[in-house]
Amino acid sequence: MKKDGNAVKFFIADTVKTTLIALIVSLILILLFAFIVKAAGIGENVITPVNYVIKFISILVGAILGISRKKDGALKGAAAGALYILAAFTVFSLLGGGFDGARFNFIDLAGGIVSGAICGVIAVNFKKEVRVSKARV
């Protein structure tokens, strides 16, 4: 029974770490992209595709750095992808002045879940497993 409790704790910890890392990466990449848009005068038609790429890269980096156990990568990634989309919507709406003009896009949520699952699989297959060693008494 205790192993199940630990598995749930690790699942939640990996999912939350992945989400927080993805949010930080996203904030950095959005800021860099904003500077590029301002400096280069990039058109409106480029912003939406770049935002999707930034979301995917953020989830991928979050999964690679946040998932510490080589188990349930797709599930952890999908959960983190959904949480990331919800958290990013909230954070960027607040940074943009509130929720008055903000509209949630369920296509983004579905994309976050699918991207997260893919990134979770990539993360667990290209990363060494972190093992918690217990000291012998």
C-alpha atoms as a PDB file:
ATOM      1  CA  MET A   1       0.000   0.000   0.000  1.00  0.00           C
ATOM      2  CA  LYS A   2       2.839   2.368   0.815  1.00  0.00           C
ATOM      3  CA  LYS A   3       4.356   1.879  -2.628  1.00  0.00           C
ATOM      4  CA  ASP A   4       1.128   3.120  -4.218  1.00  0.00           C
ATOM      5  CA  GLY A   5       1.255   6.224  -2.027  1.00  0.00           C
ATOM      6  CA  ASN A   6       4.843   6.878  -3.072  1.00  0.00           C
ATOM      7  CA  ALA A   7       3.952   6.367  -6.720  1.00  0.00           C
ATOM      8  CA  VAL A   8       1.203   8.976  -6.433  1.00  0.00           C
ATOM      9  CA  LYS A   9       3.588  11.387  -4.676  1.00  0.00           C
ATOM     10  CA  PHE A  10       6.210  10.937  -7.400  1.00  0.00           C
ATOM     11  CA  PHE A  11       3.564  11.345 -10.105  1.00  0.00           C
ATOM     12  CA  ILE A  12       2.299  14.606  -8.594  1.00  0.00           C
ATOM     13  CA  ALA A  13       5.826  15.890  -7.912  1.00  0.00           C
ATOM     14  CA  ASP A  14       6.990  15.155 -11.478  1.00  0.00           C
ATOM     15  CA  THR A  15       3.846  16.704 -12.959  1.00  0.00           C
ATOM     16  CA  VAL A  16       4.093  19.891 -10.901  1.00  0.00           C
ATOM     17  CA  LYS A  17       7.858  20.235 -11.538  1.00  0.00           C
ATOM     18  CA  THR A  18       7.311  19.767 -15.260  1.00  0.00           C
ATOM     19  CA  THR A  19       4.534  22.370 -15.294  1.00  0.00           C
ATOM     20  CA  LEU A  20       6.528  24.966 -13.340  1.00  0.00           C
ATOM     21  CA  ILE A  21       9.641  24.503 -15.470  1.00  0.00           C
ATOM     22  CA  ALA A  22       7.547  24.766 -18.639  1.00  0.00           C
ATOM     23  CA  LEU A  23       5.998  28.011 -17.372  1.00  0.00           C
ATOM     24  CA  ILE A  24       9.392  29.529 -16.632  1.00  0.00           C
ATOM     25  CA  VAL A  25      10.776  28.486 -20.028  1.00  0.00           C
ATOM     26  CA  SER A  26       7.649  29.852 -21.692  1.00  0.00           C
ATOM     27  CA  LEU A  27       7.966  33.222 -19.952  1.00  0.00           C
ATOM     28  CA  ILE A  28      11.605  33.506 -21.040  1.00  0.00           C
ATOM     29  CA  LEU A  29      10.900  32.487 -24.649  1.00  0.00           C
ATOM     30  CA  ILE A  30       7.873  34.794 -24.931  1.00  0.00           C
ATOM     31  CA  LEU A  31       9.955  37.698 -23.631  1.00  0.00           C
ATOM     32  CA  LEU A  32      12.743  36.959 -26.131  1.00  0.00           C
ATOM     33  CA  PHE A  33      10.229  36.632 -28.952  1.00  0.00           C
ATOM     34  CA  ALA A  34       8.621  39.946 -27.969  1.00  0.00           C
ATOM     35  CA  PHE A  35      12.004  41.662 -28.267  1.00  0.00           C
ATOM     36  CA  ILE A  36      12.558  40.058 -31.682  1.00  0.00           C
ATOM     37  CA  VAL A  37       9.094  41.101 -32.878  1.00  0.00           C
ATOM     38  CA  LYS A  38       9.666  44.669 -31.729  1.00  0.00           C
ATOM     39  CA  ALA A  39      13.177  44.913 -33.181  1.00  0.00           C
ATOM     40  CA  ALA A  40      12.483  43.184 -36.489  1.00  0.00           C
ATOM     41  CA  GLY A  41       8.908  44.316 -37.024  1.00  0.00           C
ATOM     42  CA  ILE A  42       7.627  40.796 -37.593  1.00  0.00           C
ATOM     43  CA  GLY A  43       4.040  40.595 -38.868  1.00  0.00           C
ATOM     44  CA  GLU A  44       0.990  39.352 -36.983  1.00  0.00           C
ATOM     45  CA  ASN A  45       0.736  36.197 -39.113  1.00  0.00           C
ATOM     46  CA  VAL A  46       3.973  34.818 -37.621  1.00  0.00           C
ATOM     47  CA  ILE A  47       3.033  35.262 -33.956  1.00  0.00           C
ATOM     48  CA  THR A  48       0.474  32.442 -33.650  1.00  0.00           C
ATOM     49  CA  PRO A  49       2.657  29.656 -35.129  1.00  0.00           C
ATOM     50  CA  VAL A  50       5.639  30.789 -33.047  1.00  0.00           C
ATOM     51  CA  ASN A  51       3.455  30.728 -29.908  1.00  0.00           C
ATOM     52  CA  TYR A  52       2.583  27.078 -30.610  1.00  0.00           C
ATOM     53  CA  VAL A  53       6.272  26.243 -31.093  1.00  0.00           C
ATOM     54  CA  ILE A  54       7.107  28.029 -27.830  1.00  0.00           C
ATOM     55  CA  LYS A  55       4.427  26.008 -26.015  1.00  0.00           C
ATOM     56  CA  PHE A  56       5.793  22.733 -27.377  1.00  0.00           C
ATOM     57  CA  ILE A  57       9.419  23.616 -26.566  1.00  0.00           C
ATOM     58  CA  SER A  58       8.397  24.717 -23.066  1.00  0.00           C
ATOM     59  CA  ILE A  59       6.570  21.453 -22.389  1.00  0.00           C
ATOM     60  CA  LEU A  60       9.486  19.441 -23.821  1.00  0.00           C
ATOM     61  CA  VAL A  61      12.094  21.205 -21.671  1.00  0.00           C
ATOM     62  CA  GLY A  62       9.783  20.927 -18.664  1.00  0.00           C
ATOM     63  CA  ALA A  63       9.341  17.192 -19.219  1.00  0.00           C
ATOM     64  CA  ILE A  64      13.040  16.517 -19.725  1.00  0.00           C
ATOM     65  CA  LEU A  65      14.003  18.447 -16.595  1.00  0.00           C
ATOM     66  CA  GLY A  66      10.930  17.705 -14.480  1.00  0.00           C
ATOM     67  CA  ILE A  67      10.221  14.000 -14.930  1.00  0.00           C
ATOM     68  CA  SER A  68      12.609  12.139 -12.661  1.00  0.00           C
ATOM     69  CA  ARG A  69      11.264   8.566 -12.854  1.00  0.00           C
ATOM     70  CA  LYS A  70      11.199   6.482 -16.025  1.00  0.00           C
ATOM     71  CA  LYS A  71       7.614   5.459 -15.491  1.00  0.00           C
ATOM     72  CA  ASP A  72       4.302   6.766 -16.855  1.00  0.00           C
ATOM     73  CA  GLY A  73       5.987   9.370 -19.065  1.00  0.00           C
ATOM     74  CA  ALA A  74       2.997   9.795 -21.374  1.00  0.00           C
ATOM     75  CA  LEU A  75       0.578  10.140 -18.472  1.00  0.00           C
ATOM     76  CA  LYS A  76       2.799  12.554 -16.538  1.00  0.00           C
ATOM     77  CA  GLY A  77       3.435  14.546 -19.699  1.00  0.00           C
ATOM     78  CA  ALA A  78      -0.247  14.729 -20.623  1.00  0.00           C
ATOM     79  CA  ALA A  79      -1.179  15.883 -17.114  1.00  0.00           C
ATOM     80  CA  ALA A  80       1.640  18.439 -17.102  1.00  0.00           C
ATOM     81  CA  GLY A  81       0.650  19.628 -20.589  1.00  0.00           C
ATOM     82  CA  ALA A  82      -2.923  20.242 -19.448  1.00  0.00           C
ATOM     83  CA  LEU A  83      -1.782  21.991 -16.263  1.00  0.00           C
ATOM     84  CA  TYR A  84       0.712  24.074 -18.254  1.00  0.00           C
ATOM     85  CA  ILE A  85      -1.958  25.295 -20.700  1.00  0.00           C
ATOM     86  CA  LEU A  86      -4.297  26.220 -17.834  1.00  0.00           C
ATOM     87  CA  ALA A  87      -1.514  27.912 -15.842  1.00  0.00           C
ATOM     88  CA  ALA A  88      -0.114  29.727 -18.886  1.00  0.00           C
ATOM     89  CA  PHE A  89      -3.594  31.008 -19.768  1.00  0.00           C
ATOM     90  CA  THR A  90      -4.003  32.309 -16.222  1.00  0.00           C
ATOM     91  CA  VAL A  91      -0.528  33.865 -15.970  1.00  0.00           C
ATOM     92  CA  PHE A  92      -0.569  35.515 -19.393  1.00  0.00           C
ATOM     93  CA  SER A  93      -4.129  36.767 -18.913  1.00  0.00           C
ATOM     94  CA  LEU A  94      -3.118  38.382 -15.627  1.00  0.00           C
ATOM     95  CA  LEU A  95       0.010  39.866 -17.208  1.00  0.00           C
ATOM     96  CA  GLY A  96      -2.134  41.186 -20.060  1.00  0.00           C
ATOM     97  CA  GLY A  97      -4.372  43.151 -17.730  1.00  0.00           C
ATOM     98  CA  GLY A  98      -6.971  40.629 -16.642  1.00  0.00           C
ATOM     99  CA  PHE A  99      -9.516  38.206 -18.001  1.00  0.00           C
ATOM    100  CA  ASP A 100     -11.821  40.742 -19.676  1.00  0.00           C
ATOM    101  CA  GLY A 101     -10.692  40.083 -23.243  1.00  0.00           C
ATOM    102  CA  ALA A 102      -9.184  36.655 -22.617  1.00  0.00           C
ATOM    103  CA  ARG A 103     -10.769  33.636 -24.281  1.00  0.00           C
ATOM    104  CA  PHE A 104      -9.787  30.104 -23.370  1.00  0.00           C
ATOM    105  CA  ASN A 105      -9.144  27.855 -26.358  1.00  0.00           C
ATOM    106  CA  PHE A 106      -9.945  24.160 -25.865  1.00  0.00           C
ATOM    107  CA  ILE A 107      -7.886  23.349 -28.957  1.00  0.00           C
ATOM    108  CA  ASP A 108      -4.870  24.657 -27.009  1.00  0.00           C
ATOM    109  CA  LEU A 109      -5.798  22.395 -24.105  1.00  0.00           C
ATOM    110  CA  ALA A 110      -6.036  19.361 -26.392  1.00  0.00           C
ATOM    111  CA  GLY A 111      -2.747  20.338 -28.030  1.00  0.00           C
ATOM    112  CA  GLY A 112      -1.119  20.701 -24.615  1.00  0.00           C
ATOM    113  CA  ILE A 113      -2.297  17.255 -23.577  1.00  0.00           C
ATOM    114  CA  VAL A 114      -1.067  15.617 -26.794  1.00  0.00           C
ATOM    115  CA  SER A 115       2.216  17.574 -26.764  1.00  0.00           C
ATOM    116  CA  GLY A 116       2.722  16.711 -23.111  1.00  0.00           C
ATOM    117  CA  ALA A 117       2.178  13.003 -23.754  1.00  0.00           C
ATOM    118  CA  ILE A 118       4.688  13.049 -26.626  1.00  0.00           C
ATOM    119  CA  CYS A 119       7.213  15.043 -24.598  1.00  0.00           C
ATOM    120  CA  GLY A 120       6.731  12.747 -21.603  1.00  0.00           C
ATOM    121  CA  VAL A 121       7.559   9.710 -23.720  1.00  0.00           C
ATOM    122  CA  ILE A 122      10.620  11.496 -25.117  1.00  0.00           C
ATOM    123  CA  ALA A 123      11.723  12.508 -21.612  1.00  0.00           C
ATOM    124  CA  VAL A 124      11.561   9.023 -20.100  1.00  0.00           C
ATOM    125  CA  ASN A 125      13.289   7.403 -23.070  1.00  0.00           C
ATOM    126  CA  PHE A 126      16.213   9.821 -23.327  1.00  0.00           C
ATOM    127  CA  LYS A 127      16.954  10.336 -19.667  1.00  0.00           C
ATOM    128  CA  LYS A 128      18.617   8.209 -17.049  1.00  0.00           C
ATOM    129  CA  GLU A 129      16.415   7.214 -14.153  1.00  0.00           C
ATOM    130  CA  VAL A 130      17.037   8.935 -10.840  1.00  0.00           C
ATOM    131  CA  ARG A 131      17.189   6.392  -8.085  1.00  0.00           C
ATOM    132  CA  VAL A 132      16.641   7.162  -4.473  1.00  0.00           C
ATOM    133  CA  SER A 133      19.147   5.155  -2.511  1.00  0.00           C
ATOM    134  CA  LYS A 134      18.492   4.132   1.044  1.00  0.00           C
ATOM    135  CA  ALA A 135      21.396   4.025   3.445  1.00  0.00           C
ATOM    136  CA  ARG A 136      21.917   0.660   5.049  1.00  0.00           C
ATOM    137  CA  VAL A 137      21.753   0.570   8.793  1.00  0.00           C
END
